[in-house]
Amino acid sequence: MNRQDLGQVVTPTSLVSEVREFRAAIANPRRSADEIRHAYGLIVNHAHNLNPHAPGFEWAGVALKEAACLWLDSKAFRGH
């Protein structure tokens, strides 16, 4: 799971990659609920810093939606 500083530039491509890593993290039973929660929070914060005029912004939006669905379906969200 990517732990970029919020001060770094986030590109649509990097956000899509981060969501791919998040998908893998959720599928990994060794990841704790806190790690998953933290990773989802980073994705949301990074999405907030995207430039809406950057090439690939739409794909980043699709990835953000996927992350939200993964989060809502995860054990971390359900509190297990």
PDB file of N, CA and C in Angstrom:
ATOM      1  N   MET A   1       0.837  -1.164   0.000  1.00  0.00           N
ATOM      2  CA  MET A   1       0.000   0.000   0.000  1.00  0.00           C
ATOM      3  C   MET A   1       0.886   1.231   0.000  1.00  0.00           C
ATOM      4  N   ASN A   2       0.583   2.110  -0.868  1.00  0.00           N
ATOM      5  CA  ASN A   2       1.395   3.297  -1.059  1.00  0.00           C
ATOM      6  C   ASN A   2       1.162   4.285   0.080  1.00  0.00           C
ATOM      7  N   ARG A   3       2.230   4.813   0.626  1.00  0.00           N
ATOM      8  CA  ARG A   3       2.116   5.764   1.730  1.00  0.00           C
ATOM      9  C   ARG A   3       2.745   7.098   1.329  1.00  0.00           C
ATOM     10  N   GLN A   4       2.262   7.660   0.223  1.00  0.00           N
ATOM     11  CA  GLN A   4       2.788   8.933  -0.258  1.00  0.00           C
ATOM     12  C   GLN A   4       2.426  10.039   0.724  1.00  0.00           C
ATOM     13  N   ASP A   5       3.281  11.037   0.786  1.00  0.00           N
ATOM     14  CA  ASP A   5       2.948  12.228   1.556  1.00  0.00           C
ATOM     15  C   ASP A   5       1.908  13.017   0.789  1.00  0.00           C
ATOM     16  N   LEU A   6       1.020  13.672   1.510  1.00  0.00           N
ATOM     17  CA  LEU A   6      -0.019  14.448   0.846  1.00  0.00           C
ATOM     18  C   LEU A   6       0.556  15.632   0.088  1.00  0.00           C
ATOM     19  N   GLY A   7       1.766  16.049   0.413  1.00  0.00           N
ATOM     20  CA  GLY A   7       2.373  17.163  -0.279  1.00  0.00           C
ATOM     21  C   GLY A   7       2.883  16.815  -1.664  1.00  0.00           C
ATOM     22  N   GLN A   8       2.991  15.530  -1.968  1.00  0.00           N
ATOM     23  CA  GLN A   8       3.487  15.117  -3.272  1.00  0.00           C
ATOM     24  C   GLN A   8       2.397  15.276  -4.326  1.00  0.00           C
ATOM     25  N   VAL A   9       2.837  15.439  -5.563  1.00  0.00           N
ATOM     26  CA  VAL A   9       1.899  15.531  -6.672  1.00  0.00           C
ATOM     27  C   VAL A   9       1.309  14.155  -6.924  1.00  0.00           C
ATOM     28  N   VAL A  10      -0.001  14.098  -7.015  1.00  0.00           N
ATOM     29  CA  VAL A  10      -0.698  12.853  -7.297  1.00  0.00           C
ATOM     30  C   VAL A  10      -1.251  12.957  -8.708  1.00  0.00           C
ATOM     31  N   THR A  11      -0.895  11.988  -9.525  1.00  0.00           N
ATOM     32  CA  THR A  11      -1.403  11.958 -10.893  1.00  0.00           C
ATOM     33  C   THR A  11      -2.532  10.941 -10.973  1.00  0.00           C
ATOM     34  N   PRO A  12      -3.378  11.051 -11.987  1.00  0.00           N
ATOM     35  CA  PRO A  12      -4.417  10.039 -12.160  1.00  0.00           C
ATOM     36  C   PRO A  12      -3.845   8.625 -12.252  1.00  0.00           C
ATOM     37  N   THR A  13      -2.729   8.485 -12.943  1.00  0.00           N
ATOM     38  CA  THR A  13      -2.112   7.164 -13.077  1.00  0.00           C
ATOM     39  C   THR A  13      -1.657   6.630 -11.725  1.00  0.00           C
ATOM     40  N   SER A  14      -1.086   7.487 -10.893  1.00  0.00           N
ATOM     41  CA  SER A  14      -0.635   7.019  -9.575  1.00  0.00           C
ATOM     42  C   SER A  14      -1.819   6.637  -8.691  1.00  0.00           C
ATOM     43  N   LEU A  15      -2.940   7.341  -8.829  1.00  0.00           N
ATOM     44  CA  LEU A  15      -4.117   6.985  -8.045  1.00  0.00           C
ATOM     45  C   LEU A  15      -4.674   5.636  -8.493  1.00  0.00           C
ATOM     46  N   VAL A  16      -4.716   5.398  -9.791  1.00  0.00           N
ATOM     47  CA  VAL A  16      -5.175   4.107 -10.307  1.00  0.00           C
ATOM     48  C   VAL A  16      -4.279   2.991  -9.770  1.00  0.00           C
ATOM     49  N   SER A  17      -2.980   3.211  -9.767  1.00  0.00           N
ATOM     50  CA  SER A  17      -2.047   2.210  -9.230  1.00  0.00           C
ATOM     51  C   SER A  17      -2.276   1.986  -7.741  1.00  0.00           C
ATOM     52  N   GLU A  18      -2.531   3.049  -7.029  1.00  0.00           N
ATOM     53  CA  GLU A  18      -2.776   2.940  -5.595  1.00  0.00           C
ATOM     54  C   GLU A  18      -4.038   2.112  -5.317  1.00  0.00           C
ATOM     55  N   VAL A  19      -5.057   2.288  -6.142  1.00  0.00           N
ATOM     56  CA  VAL A  19      -6.284   1.503  -5.974  1.00  0.00           C
ATOM     57  C   VAL A  19      -6.020   0.031  -6.283  1.00  0.00           C
ATOM     58  N   ARG A  20      -5.179  -0.244  -7.267  1.00  0.00           N
ATOM     59  CA  ARG A  20      -4.806  -1.644  -7.545  1.00  0.00           C
ATOM     60  C   ARG A  20      -4.120  -2.266  -6.330  1.00  0.00           C
ATOM     61  N   GLU A  21      -3.229  -1.520  -5.717  1.00  0.00           N
ATOM     62  CA  GLU A  21      -2.555  -1.998  -4.506  1.00  0.00           C
ATOM     63  C   GLU A  21      -3.566  -2.209  -3.374  1.00  0.00           C
ATOM     64  N   PHE A  22      -4.535  -1.320  -3.291  1.00  0.00           N
ATOM     65  CA  PHE A  22      -5.576  -1.424  -2.268  1.00  0.00           C
ATOM     66  C   PHE A  22      -6.395  -2.695  -2.475  1.00  0.00           C
ATOM     67  N   ARG A  23      -6.729  -2.986  -3.717  1.00  0.00           N
ATOM     68  CA  ARG A  23      -7.469  -4.215  -4.033  1.00  0.00           C
ATOM     69  C   ARG A  23      -6.687  -5.438  -3.549  1.00  0.00           C
ATOM     70  N   ALA A  24      -5.396  -5.457  -3.822  1.00  0.00           N
ATOM     71  CA  ALA A  24      -4.555  -6.577  -3.387  1.00  0.00           C
ATOM     72  C   ALA A  24      -4.467  -6.637  -1.861  1.00  0.00           C
ATOM     73  N   ALA A  25      -4.401  -5.488  -1.221  1.00  0.00           N
ATOM     74  CA  ALA A  25      -4.310  -5.454   0.243  1.00  0.00           C
ATOM     75  C   ALA A  25      -5.574  -6.003   0.887  1.00  0.00           C
ATOM     76  N   ILE A  26      -6.718  -5.659   0.340  1.00  0.00           N
ATOM     77  CA  ILE A  26      -7.976  -6.161   0.889  1.00  0.00           C
ATOM     78  C   ILE A  26      -8.062  -7.672   0.737  1.00  0.00           C
ATOM     79  N   ALA A  27      -7.536  -8.189  -0.353  1.00  0.00           N
ATOM     80  CA  ALA A  27      -7.573  -9.636  -0.598  1.00  0.00           C
ATOM     81  C   ALA A  27      -6.582 -10.394   0.283  1.00  0.00           C
ATOM     82  N   ASN A  28      -5.649  -9.688   0.893  1.00  0.00           N
ATOM     83  CA  ASN A  28      -4.613 -10.317   1.721  1.00  0.00           C
ATOM     84  C   ASN A  28      -5.116 -10.440   3.164  1.00  0.00           C
ATOM     85  N   PRO A  29      -5.364 -11.655   3.636  1.00  0.00           N
ATOM     86  CA  PRO A  29      -5.897 -11.816   4.992  1.00  0.00           C
ATOM     87  C   PRO A  29      -4.920 -11.386   6.093  1.00  0.00           C
ATOM     88  N   ARG A  30      -3.654 -11.190   5.759  1.00  0.00           N
ATOM     89  CA  ARG A  30      -2.676 -10.751   6.766  1.00  0.00           C
ATOM     90  C   ARG A  30      -2.735  -9.249   7.027  1.00  0.00           C
ATOM     91  N   ARG A  31      -3.460  -8.516   6.198  1.00  0.00           N
ATOM     92  CA  ARG A  31      -3.591  -7.063   6.411  1.00  0.00           C
ATOM     93  C   ARG A  31      -4.602  -6.799   7.512  1.00  0.00           C
ATOM     94  N   SER A  32      -4.252  -5.916   8.408  1.00  0.00           N
ATOM     95  CA  SER A  32      -5.162  -5.589   9.509  1.00  0.00           C
ATOM     96  C   SER A  32      -6.222  -4.598   9.035  1.00  0.00           C
ATOM     97  N   ALA A  33      -7.293  -4.531   9.787  1.00  0.00           N
ATOM     98  CA  ALA A  33      -8.356  -3.572   9.479  1.00  0.00           C
ATOM     99  C   ALA A  33      -7.812  -2.147   9.533  1.00  0.00           C
ATOM    100  N   ASP A  34      -6.901  -1.873  10.461  1.00  0.00           N
ATOM    101  CA  ASP A  34      -6.318  -0.526  10.563  1.00  0.00           C
ATOM    102  C   ASP A  34      -5.500  -0.171   9.322  1.00  0.00           C
ATOM    103  N   GLU A  35      -4.737  -1.138   8.807  1.00  0.00           N
ATOM    104  CA  GLU A  35      -3.953  -0.889   7.589  1.00  0.00           C
ATOM    105  C   GLU A  35      -4.875  -0.589   6.409  1.00  0.00           C
ATOM    106  N   ILE A  36      -5.930  -1.347   6.298  1.00  0.00           N
ATOM    107  CA  ILE A  36      -6.874  -1.154   5.193  1.00  0.00           C
ATOM    108  C   ILE A  36      -7.574   0.192   5.333  1.00  0.00           C
ATOM    109  N   ARG A  37      -7.993   0.529   6.546  1.00  0.00           N
ATOM    110  CA  ARG A  37      -8.644   1.812   6.795  1.00  0.00           C
ATOM    111  C   ARG A  37      -7.709   2.973   6.447  1.00  0.00           C
ATOM    112  N   HIS A  38      -6.453   2.847   6.851  1.00  0.00           N
ATOM    113  CA  HIS A  38      -5.463   3.894   6.567  1.00  0.00           C
ATOM    114  C   HIS A  38      -5.244   4.042   5.057  1.00  0.00           C
ATOM    115  N   ALA A  39      -5.126   2.923   4.373  1.00  0.00           N
ATOM    116  CA  ALA A  39      -4.906   2.959   2.923  1.00  0.00           C
ATOM    117  C   ALA A  39      -6.083   3.609   2.207  1.00  0.00           C
ATOM    118  N   TYR A  40      -7.292   3.297   2.633  1.00  0.00           N
ATOM    119  CA  TYR A  40      -8.469   3.907   2.001  1.00  0.00           C
ATOM    120  C   TYR A  40      -8.484   5.420   2.254  1.00  0.00           C
ATOM    121  N   GLY A  41      -8.138   5.818   3.459  1.00  0.00           N
ATOM    122  CA  GLY A  41      -8.072   7.244   3.767  1.00  0.00           C
ATOM    123  C   GLY A  41      -7.064   7.977   2.899  1.00  0.00           C
ATOM    124  N   LEU A  42      -5.923   7.342   2.643  1.00  0.00           N
ATOM    125  CA  LEU A  42      -4.920   7.954   1.760  1.00  0.00           C
ATOM    126  C   LEU A  42      -5.457   8.108   0.342  1.00  0.00           C
ATOM    127  N   ILE A  43      -6.152   7.093  -0.141  1.00  0.00           N
ATOM    128  CA  ILE A  43      -6.715   7.164  -1.496  1.00  0.00           C
ATOM    129  C   ILE A  43      -7.678   8.340  -1.597  1.00  0.00           C
ATOM    130  N   VAL A  44      -8.554   8.490  -0.621  1.00  0.00           N
ATOM    131  CA  VAL A  44      -9.517   9.598  -0.637  1.00  0.00           C
ATOM    132  C   VAL A  44      -8.789  10.939  -0.596  1.00  0.00           C
ATOM    133  N   ASN A  45      -7.784  11.059   0.264  1.00  0.00           N
ATOM    134  CA  ASN A  45      -7.019  12.312   0.337  1.00  0.00           C
ATOM    135  C   ASN A  45      -6.273  12.595  -0.958  1.00  0.00           C
ATOM    136  N   HIS A  46      -5.692  11.568  -1.543  1.00  0.00           N
ATOM    137  CA  HIS A  46      -4.970  11.757  -2.801  1.00  0.00           C
ATOM    138  C   HIS A  46      -5.926  12.153  -3.922  1.00  0.00           C
ATOM    139  N   ALA A  47      -7.104  11.557  -3.948  1.00  0.00           N
ATOM    140  CA  ALA A  47      -8.084  11.901  -4.983  1.00  0.00           C
ATOM    141  C   ALA A  47      -8.465  13.377  -4.889  1.00  0.00           C
ATOM    142  N   HIS A  48      -8.534  13.873  -3.685  1.00  0.00           N
ATOM    143  CA  HIS A  48      -8.876  15.283  -3.469  1.00  0.00           C
ATOM    144  C   HIS A  48      -7.830  16.211  -4.089  1.00  0.00           C
ATOM    145  N   ASN A  49      -6.605  15.745  -4.192  1.00  0.00           N
ATOM    146  CA  ASN A  49      -5.515  16.575  -4.713  1.00  0.00           C
ATOM    147  C   ASN A  49      -5.304  16.453  -6.216  1.00  0.00           C
ATOM    148  N   LEU A  50      -6.141  15.672  -6.888  1.00  0.00           N
ATOM    149  CA  LEU A  50      -5.981  15.510  -8.337  1.00  0.00           C
ATOM    150  C   LEU A  50      -6.393  16.767  -9.089  1.00  0.00           C
ATOM    151  N   ASN A  51      -5.732  16.997 -10.200  1.00  0.00           N
ATOM    152  CA  ASN A  51      -6.084  18.090 -11.103  1.00  0.00           C
ATOM    153  C   ASN A  51      -7.172  17.580 -12.046  1.00  0.00           C
ATOM    154  N   PRO A  52      -8.364  18.167 -12.030  1.00  0.00           N
ATOM    155  CA  PRO A  52      -9.446  17.670 -12.883  1.00  0.00           C
ATOM    156  C   PRO A  52      -9.177  17.844 -14.379  1.00  0.00           C
ATOM    157  N   HIS A  53      -8.168  18.619 -14.722  1.00  0.00           N
ATOM    158  CA  HIS A  53      -7.831  18.823 -16.134  1.00  0.00           C
ATOM    159  C   HIS A  53      -6.692  17.916 -16.592  1.00  0.00           C
ATOM    160  N   ALA A  54      -6.169  17.108 -15.691  1.00  0.00           N
ATOM    161  CA  ALA A  54      -5.059  16.209 -16.033  1.00  0.00           C
ATOM    162  C   ALA A  54      -5.563  15.063 -16.905  1.00  0.00           C
ATOM    163  N   PRO A  55      -4.742  14.653 -17.868  1.00  0.00           N
ATOM    164  CA  PRO A  55      -5.124  13.495 -18.682  1.00  0.00           C
ATOM    165  C   PRO A  55      -5.309  12.265 -17.791  1.00  0.00           C
ATOM    166  N   GLY A  56      -6.376  11.545 -18.015  1.00  0.00           N
ATOM    167  CA  GLY A  56      -6.643  10.346 -17.240  1.00  0.00           C
ATOM    168  C   GLY A  56      -7.472  10.584 -15.991  1.00  0.00           C
ATOM    169  N   PHE A  57      -7.927  11.823 -15.797  1.00  0.00           N
ATOM    170  CA  PHE A  57      -8.713  12.141 -14.606  1.00  0.00           C
ATOM    171  C   PHE A  57      -9.957  11.255 -14.503  1.00  0.00           C
ATOM    172  N   GLU A  58     -10.585  10.971 -15.642  1.00  0.00           N
ATOM    173  CA  GLU A  58     -11.795  10.145 -15.635  1.00  0.00           C
ATOM    174  C   GLU A  58     -11.494   8.743 -15.117  1.00  0.00           C
ATOM    175  N   TRP A  59     -10.349   8.181 -15.535  1.00  0.00           N
ATOM    176  CA  TRP A  59      -9.968   6.844 -15.074  1.00  0.00           C
ATOM    177  C   TRP A  59      -9.703   6.847 -13.577  1.00  0.00           C
ATOM    178  N   ALA A  60      -9.166   7.931 -13.086  1.00  0.00           N
ATOM    179  CA  ALA A  60      -8.947   8.038 -11.640  1.00  0.00           C
ATOM    180  C   ALA A  60     -10.286   8.051 -10.909  1.00  0.00           C
ATOM    181  N   GLY A  61     -11.281   8.683 -11.512  1.00  0.00           N
ATOM    182  CA  GLY A  61     -12.620   8.684 -10.923  1.00  0.00           C
ATOM    183  C   GLY A  61     -13.213   7.286 -10.856  1.00  0.00           C
ATOM    184  N   VAL A  62     -13.011   6.522 -11.914  1.00  0.00           N
ATOM    185  CA  VAL A  62     -13.480   5.131 -11.933  1.00  0.00           C
ATOM    186  C   VAL A  62     -12.759   4.332 -10.847  1.00  0.00           C
ATOM    187  N   ALA A  63     -11.457   4.539 -10.723  1.00  0.00           N
ATOM    188  CA  ALA A  63     -10.677   3.831  -9.703  1.00  0.00           C
ATOM    189  C   ALA A  63     -11.140   4.222  -8.302  1.00  0.00           C
ATOM    190  N   LEU A  64     -11.450   5.493  -8.099  1.00  0.00           N
ATOM    191  CA  LEU A  64     -11.931   5.943  -6.793  1.00  0.00           C
ATOM    192  C   LEU A  64     -13.253   5.263  -6.455  1.00  0.00           C
ATOM    193  N   LYS A  65     -14.130   5.143  -7.437  1.00  0.00           N
ATOM    194  CA  LYS A  65     -15.405   4.444  -7.221  1.00  0.00           C
ATOM    195  C   LYS A  65     -15.144   2.985  -6.857  1.00  0.00           C
ATOM    196  N   GLU A  66     -14.199   2.357  -7.539  1.00  0.00           N
ATOM    197  CA  GLU A  66     -13.853   0.971  -7.225  1.00  0.00           C
ATOM    198  C   GLU A  66     -13.340   0.859  -5.793  1.00  0.00           C
ATOM    199  N   ALA A  67     -12.486   1.791  -5.383  1.00  0.00           N
ATOM    200  CA  ALA A  67     -11.952   1.767  -4.018  1.00  0.00           C
ATOM    201  C   ALA A  67     -13.079   1.908  -2.998  1.00  0.00           C
ATOM    202  N   ALA A  68     -14.034   2.781  -3.284  1.00  0.00           N
ATOM    203  CA  ALA A  68     -15.165   2.956  -2.365  1.00  0.00           C
ATOM    204  C   ALA A  68     -15.969   1.666  -2.246  1.00  0.00           C
ATOM    205  N   CYS A  69     -16.211   1.006  -3.361  1.00  0.00           N
ATOM    206  CA  CYS A  69     -16.947  -0.267  -3.336  1.00  0.00           C
ATOM    207  C   CYS A  69     -16.164  -1.338  -2.581  1.00  0.00           C
ATOM    208  N   LEU A  70     -14.859  -1.404  -2.824  1.00  0.00           N
ATOM    209  CA  LEU A  70     -14.019  -2.371  -2.106  1.00  0.00           C
ATOM    210  C   LEU A  70     -14.052  -2.098  -0.605  1.00  0.00           C
ATOM    211  N   TRP A  71     -13.960  -0.827  -0.254  1.00  0.00           N
ATOM    212  CA  TRP A  71     -13.976  -0.433   1.154  1.00  0.00           C
ATOM    213  C   TRP A  71     -15.295  -0.827   1.813  1.00  0.00           C
ATOM    214  N   LEU A  72     -16.403  -0.518   1.152  1.00  0.00           N
ATOM    215  CA  LEU A  72     -17.712  -0.826   1.732  1.00  0.00           C
ATOM    216  C   LEU A  72     -17.943  -2.327   1.873  1.00  0.00           C
ATOM    217  N   ASP A  73     -17.292  -3.103   1.027  1.00  0.00           N
ATOM    218  CA  ASP A  73     -17.437  -4.556   1.071  1.00  0.00           C
ATOM    219  C   ASP A  73     -16.397  -5.226   1.972  1.00  0.00           C
ATOM    220  N   SER A  74     -15.466  -4.453   2.500  1.00  0.00           N
ATOM    221  CA  SER A  74     -14.351  -5.037   3.263  1.00  0.00           C
ATOM    222  C   SER A  74     -14.740  -5.328   4.708  1.00  0.00           C
ATOM    223  N   LYS A  75     -13.992  -6.230   5.306  1.00  0.00           N
ATOM    224  CA  LYS A  75     -14.181  -6.545   6.722  1.00  0.00           C
ATOM    225  C   LYS A  75     -13.807  -5.348   7.590  1.00  0.00           C
ATOM    226  N   ALA A  76     -12.876  -4.529   7.118  1.00  0.00           N
ATOM    227  CA  ALA A  76     -12.454  -3.352   7.886  1.00  0.00           C
ATOM    228  C   ALA A  76     -13.622  -2.392   8.074  1.00  0.00           C
ATOM    229  N   PHE A  77     -14.444  -2.227   7.031  1.00  0.00           N
ATOM    230  CA  PHE A  77     -15.595  -1.331   7.120  1.00  0.00           C
ATOM    231  C   PHE A  77     -16.661  -1.929   8.035  1.00  0.00           C
ATOM    232  N   ARG A  78     -16.852  -3.230   7.910  1.00  0.00           N
ATOM    233  CA  ARG A  78     -17.895  -3.898   8.697  1.00  0.00           C
ATOM    234  C   ARG A  78     -17.476  -4.088  10.149  1.00  0.00           C
ATOM    235  N   GLY A  79     -16.205  -3.821  10.441  1.00  0.00           N
ATOM    236  CA  GLY A  79     -15.728  -3.896  11.815  1.00  0.00           C
ATOM    237  C   GLY A  79     -15.393  -5.293  12.306  1.00  0.00           C
ATOM    238  N   HIS A  80     -15.155  -6.226  11.404  1.00  0.00           N
ATOM    239  CA  HIS A  80     -14.804  -7.600  11.811  1.00  0.00           C
ATOM    240  C   HIS A  80     -13.325  -7.721  12.037  1.00  0.00           C
TER     241      HIS A  80
END
